[in-house]
Every structure is written in C-alpha cells, then in structure tokens.
PDB file of N, CA and C in Angstrom:
ATOM      1  N   MET A   1     -11.324  15.847 -15.719  1.00  0.00           N
ATOM      2  CA  MET A   1     -10.272  16.845 -14.443  1.00  0.00           C
ATOM      3  C   MET A   1      -9.547  17.973 -14.929  1.00  0.00           C
ATOM      4  N   HIS A   2      -9.022  17.910 -16.683  1.00  0.00           N
ATOM      5  CA  HIS A   2      -8.857  18.863 -16.856  1.00  0.00           C
ATOM      6  C   HIS A   2      -9.522  20.360 -16.778  1.00  0.00           C
ATOM      7  N   HIS A   3     -10.369  20.279 -16.987  1.00  0.00           N
ATOM      8  CA  HIS A   3     -11.614  21.236 -16.995  1.00  0.00           C
ATOM      9  C   HIS A   3     -11.717  21.764 -16.048  1.00  0.00           C
ATOM     10  N   ALA A   4     -12.135  20.857 -14.756  1.00  0.00           N
ATOM     11  CA  ALA A   4     -12.322  21.133 -13.409  1.00  0.00           C
ATOM     12  C   ALA A   4     -11.301  21.792 -12.833  1.00  0.00           C
ATOM     13  N   GLN A   5     -10.058  21.367 -13.058  1.00  0.00           N
ATOM     14  CA  GLN A   5      -8.976  21.946 -12.106  1.00  0.00           C
ATOM     15  C   GLN A   5      -8.814  22.383 -11.167  1.00  0.00           C
ATOM     16  N   PRO A   6      -9.211  20.894 -10.328  1.00  0.00           N
ATOM     17  CA  PRO A   6      -9.147  20.729  -8.507  1.00  0.00           C
ATOM     18  C   PRO A   6      -7.961  21.016  -8.146  1.00  0.00           C
ATOM     19  N   ARG A   7      -7.862  21.722  -7.251  1.00  0.00           N
ATOM     20  CA  ARG A   7      -7.093  21.863  -5.906  1.00  0.00           C
ATOM     21  C   ARG A   7      -6.223  20.444  -5.432  1.00  0.00           C
ATOM     22  N   SER A   8      -5.548  20.290  -5.000  1.00  0.00           N
ATOM     23  CA  SER A   8      -5.122  19.523  -4.184  1.00  0.00           C
ATOM     24  C   SER A   8      -5.613  18.748  -3.258  1.00  0.00           C
ATOM     25  N   GLU A   9      -6.470  19.447  -2.548  1.00  0.00           N
ATOM     26  CA  GLU A   9      -7.432  19.898  -1.135  1.00  0.00           C
ATOM     27  C   GLU A   9      -8.881  19.264  -1.640  1.00  0.00           C
ATOM     28  N   ASP A  10      -9.002  19.477  -3.018  1.00  0.00           N
ATOM     29  CA  ASP A  10     -10.236  19.605  -3.461  1.00  0.00           C
ATOM     30  C   ASP A  10     -10.735  17.493  -3.054  1.00  0.00           C
ATOM     31  N   CYS A  11     -11.454  16.861  -2.878  1.00  0.00           N
ATOM     32  CA  CYS A  11     -12.187  15.740  -2.663  1.00  0.00           C
ATOM     33  C   CYS A  11     -11.831  15.232  -4.743  1.00  0.00           C
ATOM     34  N   LEU A  12     -12.032  14.284  -4.700  1.00  0.00           N
ATOM     35  CA  LEU A  12     -12.345  13.864  -6.324  1.00  0.00           C
ATOM     36  C   LEU A  12     -13.646  13.513  -6.504  1.00  0.00           C
ATOM     37  N   PHE A  13     -13.995  12.671  -5.170  1.00  0.00           N
ATOM     38  CA  PHE A  13     -15.424  12.087  -5.432  1.00  0.00           C
ATOM     39  C   PHE A  13     -16.293  13.233  -3.958  1.00  0.00           C
ATOM     40  N   PRO A  14     -16.784  14.430  -4.121  1.00  0.00           N
ATOM     41  CA  PRO A  14     -17.149  15.115  -3.342  1.00  0.00           C
ATOM     42  C   PRO A  14     -18.626  14.209  -2.838  1.00  0.00           C
ATOM     43  N   SER A  15     -18.621  14.777  -1.576  1.00  0.00           N
ATOM     44  CA  SER A  15     -20.117  14.499  -0.958  1.00  0.00           C
ATOM     45  C   SER A  15     -21.207  15.010  -1.761  1.00  0.00           C
ATOM     46  N   ARG A  16     -22.813  14.352  -1.190  1.00  0.00           N
ATOM     47  CA  ARG A  16     -23.713  15.018  -1.664  1.00  0.00           C
ATOM     48  C   ARG A  16     -24.308  15.914  -0.660  1.00  0.00           C
ATOM     49  N   LEU A  17     -23.667  15.734   0.408  1.00  0.00           N
ATOM     50  CA  LEU A  17     -24.195  16.401   1.805  1.00  0.00           C
ATOM     51  C   LEU A  17     -23.153  17.578   2.117  1.00  0.00           C
ATOM     52  N   HIS A  18     -23.612  18.388   2.321  1.00  0.00           N
ATOM     53  CA  HIS A  18     -22.743  19.959   3.213  1.00  0.00           C
ATOM     54  C   HIS A  18     -21.829  19.575   4.704  1.00  0.00           C
ATOM     55  N   ILE A  19     -22.275  18.332   5.185  1.00  0.00           N
ATOM     56  CA  ILE A  19     -21.352  17.881   6.396  1.00  0.00           C
ATOM     57  C   ILE A  19     -19.942  17.722   6.087  1.00  0.00           C
ATOM     58  N   SER A  20     -19.807  17.148   5.310  1.00  0.00           N
ATOM     59  CA  SER A  20     -18.328  16.202   4.865  1.00  0.00           C
ATOM     60  C   SER A  20     -18.336  16.945   2.940  1.00  0.00           C
ATOM     61  N   ASP A  21     -16.803  16.989   3.068  1.00  0.00           N
ATOM     62  CA  ASP A  21     -16.279  17.560   1.781  1.00  0.00           C
ATOM     63  C   ASP A  21     -16.152  16.123   1.105  1.00  0.00           C
ATOM     64  N   HIS A  22     -16.134  14.632   1.351  1.00  0.00           N
ATOM     65  CA  HIS A  22     -15.866  14.227   0.355  1.00  0.00           C
ATOM     66  C   HIS A  22     -17.123  12.910   0.710  1.00  0.00           C
ATOM     67  N   LEU A  23     -16.471  11.861  -0.268  1.00  0.00           N
ATOM     68  CA  LEU A  23     -18.084  10.639   0.088  1.00  0.00           C
ATOM     69  C   LEU A  23     -18.199  10.072   1.753  1.00  0.00           C
ATOM     70  N   SER A  24     -18.801   9.621   1.985  1.00  0.00           N
ATOM     71  CA  SER A  24     -18.358   8.396   3.190  1.00  0.00           C
ATOM     72  C   SER A  24     -18.234   7.184   2.450  1.00  0.00           C
ATOM     73  N   THR A  25     -17.691   6.073   3.563  1.00  0.00           N
ATOM     74  CA  THR A  25     -17.541   4.782   3.102  1.00  0.00           C
ATOM     75  C   THR A  25     -18.796   4.347   2.351  1.00  0.00           C
ATOM     76  N   ARG A  26     -19.850   4.361   3.650  1.00  0.00           N
ATOM     77  CA  ARG A  26     -20.789   3.787   3.053  1.00  0.00           C
ATOM     78  C   ARG A  26     -21.498   4.671   1.905  1.00  0.00           C
ATOM     79  N   GLN A  27     -21.301   5.644   1.028  1.00  0.00           N
ATOM     80  CA  GLN A  27     -21.677   6.002   0.304  1.00  0.00           C
ATOM     81  C   GLN A  27     -21.399   5.231  -1.045  1.00  0.00           C
ATOM     82  N   TYR A  28     -19.596   5.264  -0.511  1.00  0.00           N
ATOM     83  CA  TYR A  28     -18.497   4.080  -1.568  1.00  0.00           C
ATOM     84  C   TYR A  28     -19.210   2.827  -1.879  1.00  0.00           C
ATOM     85  N   ALA A  29     -19.212   2.556  -0.671  1.00  0.00           N
ATOM     86  CA  ALA A  29     -19.674   1.374  -0.732  1.00  0.00           C
ATOM     87  C   ALA A  29     -21.136   1.043  -1.694  1.00  0.00           C
ATOM     88  N   ARG A  30     -22.024   2.003  -1.652  1.00  0.00           N
ATOM     89  CA  ARG A  30     -22.951   1.860  -2.322  1.00  0.00           C
ATOM     90  C   ARG A  30     -23.278   1.694  -4.108  1.00  0.00           C
ATOM     91  N   ILE A  31     -21.846   2.652  -3.843  1.00  0.00           N
ATOM     92  CA  ILE A  31     -21.635   3.092  -5.455  1.00  0.00           C
ATOM     93  C   ILE A  31     -20.808   1.604  -6.215  1.00  0.00           C
ATOM     94  N   VAL A  32     -19.821   1.233  -5.334  1.00  0.00           N
ATOM     95  CA  VAL A  32     -19.203  -0.075  -5.661  1.00  0.00           C
ATOM     96  C   VAL A  32     -20.242  -1.025  -6.141  1.00  0.00           C
ATOM     97  N   LYS A  33     -21.086  -1.500  -4.980  1.00  0.00           N
ATOM     98  CA  LYS A  33     -22.105  -2.302  -5.169  1.00  0.00           C
ATOM     99  C   LYS A  33     -22.894  -2.201  -6.261  1.00  0.00           C
ATOM    100  N   GLY A  34     -23.243  -1.226  -6.592  1.00  0.00           N
ATOM    101  CA  GLY A  34     -23.789  -0.438  -8.060  1.00  0.00           C
ATOM    102  C   GLY A  34     -23.265  -1.085  -9.393  1.00  0.00           C
ATOM    103  N   TRP A  35     -21.570  -0.710  -8.886  1.00  0.00           N
ATOM    104  CA  TRP A  35     -21.328  -1.229 -10.280  1.00  0.00           C
ATOM    105  C   TRP A  35     -21.242  -2.592 -10.900  1.00  0.00           C
ATOM    106  N   VAL A  36     -21.021  -3.548  -9.294  1.00  0.00           N
ATOM    107  CA  VAL A  36     -21.090  -5.109  -9.334  1.00  0.00           C
ATOM    108  C   VAL A  36     -22.290  -5.367  -9.933  1.00  0.00           C
ATOM    109  N   LYS A  37     -22.862  -5.073  -9.688  1.00  0.00           N
ATOM    110  CA  LYS A  37     -24.501  -5.581 -10.539  1.00  0.00           C
ATOM    111  C   LYS A  37     -24.605  -5.129 -11.700  1.00  0.00           C
ATOM    112  N   ALA A  38     -23.675  -3.676 -12.049  1.00  0.00           N
ATOM    113  CA  ALA A  38     -23.925  -3.639 -13.513  1.00  0.00           C
ATOM    114  C   ALA A  38     -23.313  -4.831 -14.515  1.00  0.00           C
ATOM    115  N   ILE A  39     -22.016  -5.411 -13.469  1.00  0.00           N
ATOM    116  CA  ILE A  39     -21.121  -6.395 -14.776  1.00  0.00           C
ATOM    117  C   ILE A  39     -21.540  -7.655 -14.173  1.00  0.00           C
ATOM    118  N   GLY A  40     -22.638  -7.864 -13.507  1.00  0.00           N
ATOM    119  CA  GLY A  40     -22.851  -9.212 -13.388  1.00  0.00           C
ATOM    120  C   GLY A  40     -22.554 -10.108 -12.410  1.00  0.00           C
ATOM    121  N   PRO A  41     -21.543  -9.966 -11.860  1.00  0.00           N
ATOM    122  CA  PRO A  41     -21.239 -10.655 -10.306  1.00  0.00           C
ATOM    123  C   PRO A  41     -22.487 -10.810  -8.991  1.00  0.00           C
ATOM    124  N   ASP A  42     -22.252 -11.627  -8.532  1.00  0.00           N
ATOM    125  CA  ASP A  42     -22.975 -11.568  -7.056  1.00  0.00           C
ATOM    126  C   ASP A  42     -22.569 -10.516  -6.520  1.00  0.00           C
ATOM    127  N   PRO A  43     -23.388  -9.545  -5.737  1.00  0.00           N
ATOM    128  CA  PRO A  43     -22.594  -8.052  -5.356  1.00  0.00           C
ATOM    129  C   PRO A  43     -22.418  -8.627  -3.693  1.00  0.00           C
ATOM    130  N   ALA A  44     -22.546  -9.597  -3.208  1.00  0.00           N
ATOM    131  CA  ALA A  44     -22.273 -10.189  -2.024  1.00  0.00           C
ATOM    132  C   ALA A  44     -21.147 -10.448  -2.631  1.00  0.00           C
ATOM    133  N   LEU A  45     -20.210 -10.942  -3.145  1.00  0.00           N
ATOM    134  CA  LEU A  45     -18.609 -11.546  -3.020  1.00  0.00           C
ATOM    135  C   LEU A  45     -18.311 -10.864  -3.274  1.00  0.00           C
ATOM    136  N   TYR A  46     -18.633  -9.519  -3.906  1.00  0.00           N
ATOM    137  CA  TYR A  46     -17.522  -7.782  -4.263  1.00  0.00           C
ATOM    138  C   TYR A  46     -18.178  -7.081  -3.547  1.00  0.00           C
ATOM    139  N   GLY A  47     -16.635  -6.343  -2.677  1.00  0.00           N
ATOM    140  CA  GLY A  47     -16.905  -5.008  -2.135  1.00  0.00           C
ATOM    141  C   GLY A  47     -15.924  -4.220  -2.235  1.00  0.00           C
ATOM    142  N   ILE A  48     -16.107  -2.981  -1.332  1.00  0.00           N
ATOM    143  CA  ILE A  48     -15.076  -2.496  -1.185  1.00  0.00           C
ATOM    144  C   ILE A  48     -13.952  -3.178  -0.323  1.00  0.00           C
ATOM    145  N   HIS A  49     -13.911  -4.042   0.739  1.00  0.00           N
ATOM    146  CA  HIS A  49     -12.879  -4.554   1.176  1.00  0.00           C
ATOM    147  C   HIS A  49     -12.238  -5.448  -0.096  1.00  0.00           C
ATOM    148  N   THR A  50     -12.955  -6.121  -0.953  1.00  0.00           N
ATOM    149  CA  THR A  50     -12.621  -7.441  -1.761  1.00  0.00           C
ATOM    150  C   THR A  50     -11.554  -6.619  -2.011  1.00  0.00           C
ATOM    151  N   ILE A  51     -11.978  -5.351  -2.913  1.00  0.00           N
ATOM    152  CA  ILE A  51     -11.085  -4.513  -3.670  1.00  0.00           C
ATOM    153  C   ILE A  51      -9.722  -3.862  -3.226  1.00  0.00           C
ATOM    154  N   ARG A  52      -9.882  -3.724  -1.776  1.00  0.00           N
ATOM    155  CA  ARG A  52      -8.361  -3.057  -0.908  1.00  0.00           C
ATOM    156  C   ARG A  52      -7.454  -4.206  -1.019  1.00  0.00           C
ATOM    157  N   ARG A  53      -8.013  -5.797  -0.847  1.00  0.00           N
ATOM    158  CA  ARG A  53      -7.353  -6.485  -0.394  1.00  0.00           C
ATOM    159  C   ARG A  53      -7.114  -6.840  -2.149  1.00  0.00           C
ATOM    160  N   THR A  54      -7.468  -7.520  -3.168  1.00  0.00           N
ATOM    161  CA  THR A  54      -7.204  -7.424  -3.962  1.00  0.00           C
ATOM    162  C   THR A  54      -5.959  -6.507  -4.641  1.00  0.00           C
ATOM    163  N   LYS A  55      -6.105  -5.482  -4.105  1.00  0.00           N
ATOM    164  CA  LYS A  55      -4.956  -4.234  -5.076  1.00  0.00           C
ATOM    165  C   LYS A  55      -4.000  -4.609  -4.012  1.00  0.00           C
ATOM    166  N   ALA A  56      -3.965  -5.250  -2.727  1.00  0.00           N
ATOM    167  CA  ALA A  56      -2.635  -5.254  -1.603  1.00  0.00           C
ATOM    168  C   ALA A  56      -2.306  -6.580  -2.266  1.00  0.00           C
ATOM    169  N   SER A  57      -2.546  -7.500  -2.871  1.00  0.00           N
ATOM    170  CA  SER A  57      -2.231  -8.602  -3.517  1.00  0.00           C
ATOM    171  C   SER A  57      -1.176  -8.414  -4.526  1.00  0.00           C
ATOM    172  N   LEU A  58      -2.312  -7.522  -5.571  1.00  0.00           N
ATOM    173  CA  LEU A  58      -1.535  -7.412  -6.253  1.00  0.00           C
ATOM    174  C   LEU A  58      -0.267  -6.818  -6.438  1.00  0.00           C
ATOM    175  N   ILE A  59      -0.043  -5.834  -5.365  1.00  0.00           N
ATOM    176  CA  ILE A  59       1.211  -4.904  -5.300  1.00  0.00           C
ATOM    177  C   ILE A  59       2.331  -5.882  -4.582  1.00  0.00           C
ATOM    178  N   TYR A  60       2.005  -6.719  -3.761  1.00  0.00           N
ATOM    179  CA  TYR A  60       2.656  -7.807  -3.363  1.00  0.00           C
ATOM    180  C   TYR A  60       3.532  -8.667  -4.336  1.00  0.00           C
ATOM    181  N   ARG A  61       2.535  -9.176  -4.955  1.00  0.00           N
ATOM    182  CA  ARG A  61       2.364 -10.299  -6.139  1.00  0.00           C
ATOM    183  C   ARG A  61       3.637  -9.923  -7.088  1.00  0.00           C
ATOM    184  N   ARG A  62       3.222  -8.277  -6.835  1.00  0.00           N
ATOM    185  CA  ARG A  62       4.849  -7.839  -8.127  1.00  0.00           C
ATOM    186  C   ARG A  62       5.432  -7.394  -7.911  1.00  0.00           C
ATOM    187  N   THR A  63       5.959  -7.049  -6.547  1.00  0.00           N
ATOM    188  CA  THR A  63       6.934  -6.415  -5.928  1.00  0.00           C
ATOM    189  C   THR A  63       7.333  -7.549  -4.667  1.00  0.00           C
ATOM    190  N   LYS A  64       6.634  -7.973  -4.126  1.00  0.00           N
ATOM    191  CA  LYS A  64       7.082  -8.903  -3.086  1.00  0.00           C
ATOM    192  C   LYS A  64       7.817  -8.250  -2.018  1.00  0.00           C
ATOM    193  N   ASN A  65       7.512  -7.179  -1.831  1.00  0.00           N
ATOM    194  CA  ASN A  65       7.595  -5.981  -0.940  1.00  0.00           C
ATOM    195  C   ASN A  65       6.800  -6.050   0.179  1.00  0.00           C
ATOM    196  N   LEU A  66       6.805  -6.343   0.930  1.00  0.00           N
ATOM    197  CA  LEU A  66       6.162  -6.550   2.488  1.00  0.00           C
ATOM    198  C   LEU A  66       5.891  -5.091   2.868  1.00  0.00           C
ATOM    199  N   ARG A  67       7.450  -4.639   3.387  1.00  0.00           N
ATOM    200  CA  ARG A  67       6.695  -3.393   3.914  1.00  0.00           C
ATOM    201  C   ARG A  67       6.459  -2.316   3.246  1.00  0.00           C
ATOM    202  N   ALA A  68       6.341  -2.608   1.845  1.00  0.00           N
ATOM    203  CA  ALA A  68       5.213  -1.330   1.063  1.00  0.00           C
ATOM    204  C   ALA A  68       3.941  -1.239   1.396  1.00  0.00           C
ATOM    205  N   VAL A  69       3.562  -3.067   1.209  1.00  0.00           N
ATOM    206  CA  VAL A  69       1.932  -3.467   1.400  1.00  0.00           C
ATOM    207  C   VAL A  69       1.248  -3.122   2.891  1.00  0.00           C
ATOM    208  N   GLN A  70       2.696  -3.199   3.761  1.00  0.00           N
ATOM    209  CA  GLN A  70       2.431  -2.935   5.449  1.00  0.00           C
ATOM    210  C   GLN A  70       2.054  -1.327   5.453  1.00  0.00           C
ATOM    211  N   LEU A  71       2.742  -0.383   4.548  1.00  0.00           N
ATOM    212  CA  LEU A  71       2.778   1.164   5.173  1.00  0.00           C
ATOM    213  C   LEU A  71       1.451   1.425   4.189  1.00  0.00           C
ATOM    214  N   LEU A  72       1.193   0.695   2.735  1.00  0.00           N
ATOM    215  CA  LEU A  72      -0.222   1.125   1.889  1.00  0.00           C
ATOM    216  C   LEU A  72      -1.611   0.690   3.352  1.00  0.00           C
ATOM    217  N   LEU A  73      -1.507  -0.281   3.639  1.00  0.00           N
ATOM    218  CA  LEU A  73      -2.185  -0.528   4.025  1.00  0.00           C
ATOM    219  C   LEU A  73      -2.634  -0.173   6.123  1.00  0.00           C
ATOM    220  N   GLY A  74      -1.402   0.476   6.323  1.00  0.00           N
ATOM    221  CA  GLY A  74      -1.806   0.944   7.628  1.00  0.00           C
ATOM    222  C   GLY A  74      -1.267   0.041   9.029  1.00  0.00           C
ATOM    223  N   HIS A  75      -1.053  -0.871   8.567  1.00  0.00           N
ATOM    224  CA  HIS A  75      -0.704  -1.981   9.232  1.00  0.00           C
ATOM    225  C   HIS A  75       0.620  -1.957  10.711  1.00  0.00           C
ATOM    226  N   THR A  76       0.148  -1.847  11.652  1.00  0.00           N
ATOM    227  CA  THR A  76       1.443  -1.507  12.227  1.00  0.00           C
ATOM    228  C   THR A  76       2.283  -2.869  12.315  1.00  0.00           C
ATOM    229  N   LYS A  77       2.068  -3.768  12.658  1.00  0.00           N
ATOM    230  CA  LYS A  77       2.587  -5.290  12.349  1.00  0.00           C
ATOM    231  C   LYS A  77       2.666  -5.845  11.453  1.00  0.00           C
ATOM    232  N   LEU A  78       4.062  -6.149  11.033  1.00  0.00           N
ATOM    233  CA  LEU A  78       4.491  -7.046   9.678  1.00  0.00           C
ATOM    234  C   LEU A  78       3.563  -7.921   9.789  1.00  0.00           C
ATOM    235  N   GLU A  79       3.408  -9.301  10.953  1.00  0.00           N
ATOM    236  CA  GLU A  79       2.325 -10.356  11.233  1.00  0.00           C
ATOM    237  C   GLU A  79       1.191 -10.059  10.356  1.00  0.00           C
ATOM    238  N   SER A  80       0.793  -8.546  10.805  1.00  0.00           N
ATOM    239  CA  SER A  80      -0.649  -8.537  10.122  1.00  0.00           C
ATOM    240  C   SER A  80      -1.454  -8.489   9.081  1.00  0.00           C
ATOM    241  N   THR A  81      -0.108  -7.919   8.612  1.00  0.00           N
ATOM    242  CA  THR A  81       0.262  -7.940   6.574  1.00  0.00           C
ATOM    243  C   THR A  81      -0.240  -8.884   6.317  1.00  0.00           C
ATOM    244  N   VAL A  82       0.841 -10.224   6.828  1.00  0.00           N
ATOM    245  CA  VAL A  82       1.019 -11.517   6.304  1.00  0.00           C
ATOM    246  C   VAL A  82       0.108 -12.039   6.340  1.00  0.00           C
ATOM    247  N   ARG A  83      -0.533 -12.148   7.259  1.00  0.00           N
ATOM    248  CA  ARG A  83      -1.511 -12.798   7.911  1.00  0.00           C
ATOM    249  C   ARG A  83      -3.056 -11.907   7.021  1.00  0.00           C
ATOM    250  N   TYR A  84      -3.055 -10.742   6.838  1.00  0.00           N
ATOM    251  CA  TYR A  84      -4.068 -10.578   5.706  1.00  0.00           C
ATOM    252  C   TYR A  84      -3.844 -10.687   4.397  1.00  0.00           C
ATOM    253  N   LEU A  85      -2.444 -11.072   3.768  1.00  0.00           N
ATOM    254  CA  LEU A  85      -2.259 -11.372   2.522  1.00  0.00           C
ATOM    255  C   LEU A  85      -2.271 -12.911   2.499  1.00  0.00           C
ATOM    256  N   GLY A  86      -2.923 -13.524   3.602  1.00  0.00           N
ATOM    257  CA  GLY A  86      -2.953 -15.475   3.466  1.00  0.00           C
ATOM    258  C   GLY A  86      -0.848 -16.088   2.290  1.00  0.00           C
ATOM    259  N   ILE A  87      -0.188 -15.238   3.721  1.00  0.00           N
ATOM    260  CA  ILE A  87       0.964 -16.172   2.974  1.00  0.00           C
ATOM    261  C   ILE A  87       2.102 -16.479   3.947  1.00  0.00           C
ATOM    262  N   GLU A  88       2.659 -17.405   3.859  1.00  0.00           N
ATOM    263  CA  GLU A  88       3.377 -17.902   5.003  1.00  0.00           C
ATOM    264  C   GLU A  88       4.377 -17.234   6.017  1.00  0.00           C
ATOM    265  N   VAL A  89       4.228 -16.997   7.171  1.00  0.00           N
ATOM    266  CA  VAL A  89       4.896 -16.360   7.938  1.00  0.00           C
ATOM    267  C   VAL A  89       6.629 -16.387   7.395  1.00  0.00           C
ATOM    268  N   ASP A  90       7.007 -17.806   7.933  1.00  0.00           N
ATOM    269  CA  ASP A  90       8.513 -17.488   7.213  1.00  0.00           C
ATOM    270  C   ASP A  90       9.271 -17.089   6.662  1.00  0.00           C
ATOM    271  N   ASP A  91       8.061 -17.701   5.451  1.00  0.00           N
ATOM    272  CA  ASP A  91       8.896 -16.949   3.934  1.00  0.00           C
ATOM    273  C   ASP A  91       8.518 -15.453   3.881  1.00  0.00           C
ATOM    274  N   ALA A  92       7.619 -14.579   4.470  1.00  0.00           N
ATOM    275  CA  ALA A  92       7.421 -13.479   4.319  1.00  0.00           C
ATOM    276  C   ALA A  92       8.188 -13.117   5.242  1.00  0.00           C
ATOM    277  N   LEU A  93       8.516 -13.655   6.866  1.00  0.00           N
ATOM    278  CA  LEU A  93       9.936 -12.783   7.345  1.00  0.00           C
ATOM    279  C   LEU A  93      11.053 -12.923   7.004  1.00  0.00           C
ATOM    280  N   GLU A  94      11.052 -14.112   6.177  1.00  0.00           N
ATOM    281  CA  GLU A  94      12.836 -14.119   5.046  1.00  0.00           C
ATOM    282  C   GLU A  94      12.750 -13.110   4.246  1.00  0.00           C
ATOM    283  N   MET A  95      11.485 -13.248   3.844  1.00  0.00           N
ATOM    284  CA  MET A  95      11.721 -11.681   2.531  1.00  0.00           C
ATOM    285  C   MET A  95      12.048 -10.478   2.827  1.00  0.00           C
ATOM    286  N   ALA A  96      11.209 -10.518   3.906  1.00  0.00           N
ATOM    287  CA  ALA A  96      11.615  -8.657   4.844  1.00  0.00           C
ATOM    288  C   ALA A  96      12.912  -8.682   5.233  1.00  0.00           C
ATOM    289  N   GLU A  97      13.475  -9.829   5.678  1.00  0.00           N
ATOM    290  CA  GLU A  97      14.787  -9.802   6.085  1.00  0.00           C
ATOM    291  C   GLU A  97      15.904  -8.950   4.852  1.00  0.00           C
ATOM    292  N   GLN A  98      15.665  -9.245   3.523  1.00  0.00           N
ATOM    293  CA  GLN A  98      16.075  -9.507   2.523  1.00  0.00           C
ATOM    294  C   GLN A  98      15.948  -8.415   2.047  1.00  0.00           C
ATOM    295  N   THR A  99      14.798  -7.210   2.305  1.00  0.00           N
ATOM    296  CA  THR A  99      14.502  -6.574   1.811  1.00  0.00           C
ATOM    297  C   THR A  99      15.481  -4.695   2.153  1.00  0.00           C
ATOM    298  N   GLU A 100      15.462  -3.904   1.754  1.00  0.00           N
ATOM    299  CA  GLU A 100      16.420  -3.039   2.609  1.00  0.00           C
ATOM    300  C   GLU A 100      15.396  -1.908   2.374  1.00  0.00           C
ATOM    301  N   VAL A 101      14.719  -1.311   3.458  1.00  0.00           N
ATOM    302  CA  VAL A 101      14.334  -0.250   3.908  1.00  0.00           C
ATOM    303  C   VAL A 101      14.741   1.137   4.022  1.00  0.00           C
TER     304      VAL A 101
END
C-alpha cells in the first residue's frame, strides 16, 4: 500500500476487465471460495454472504448497537436487522430504545 500510494478513489482490488474499475461480486465470490478451499472447510458452507453475516453478528455481540449494524448492512427497517441477526425482537427493540443515536 505504501509503495503503490493509492488515491481514495482507487479500488483496492481492481477488476481484470476494463469495463469496471472494481472486482465484480462474482469474482469476489470466486476468490473467497478459493481461500476457503485452501484452508480446508467445505466451500459450500462458507461464502461472501456468510462473511457479511458473521461480521454483522460480531459487531452486534461486541457493541449491542442494533442501529449501527442496521446502517452497516443497509437495512431500512430495524426489524430486518433483528431477523437477519437471529435475535429476539422484544429484546432487540428494548435495546434499541435504550440506545441514544
């Protein structure tokens, strides 16, 4: 990174194609699948969505901040975030009401 000195608008993982500046979701999924295969687990059990969900779950567990997780995931409804994380709605709403934003 220091040697390349990228600008803020540069893509960290550029596309191999000239159609786009950044990797496609498909190409990213292929890369992740290769990493999973290399370390041993069944690639069918791990993918880019699993990583996204795990990251959100870890953030929620550490902070208990549903609103922050909702914003990171791009959910418009808090209930969607609650369902996505698999937590109890009543508990989640109570925590959300106690959290100042």
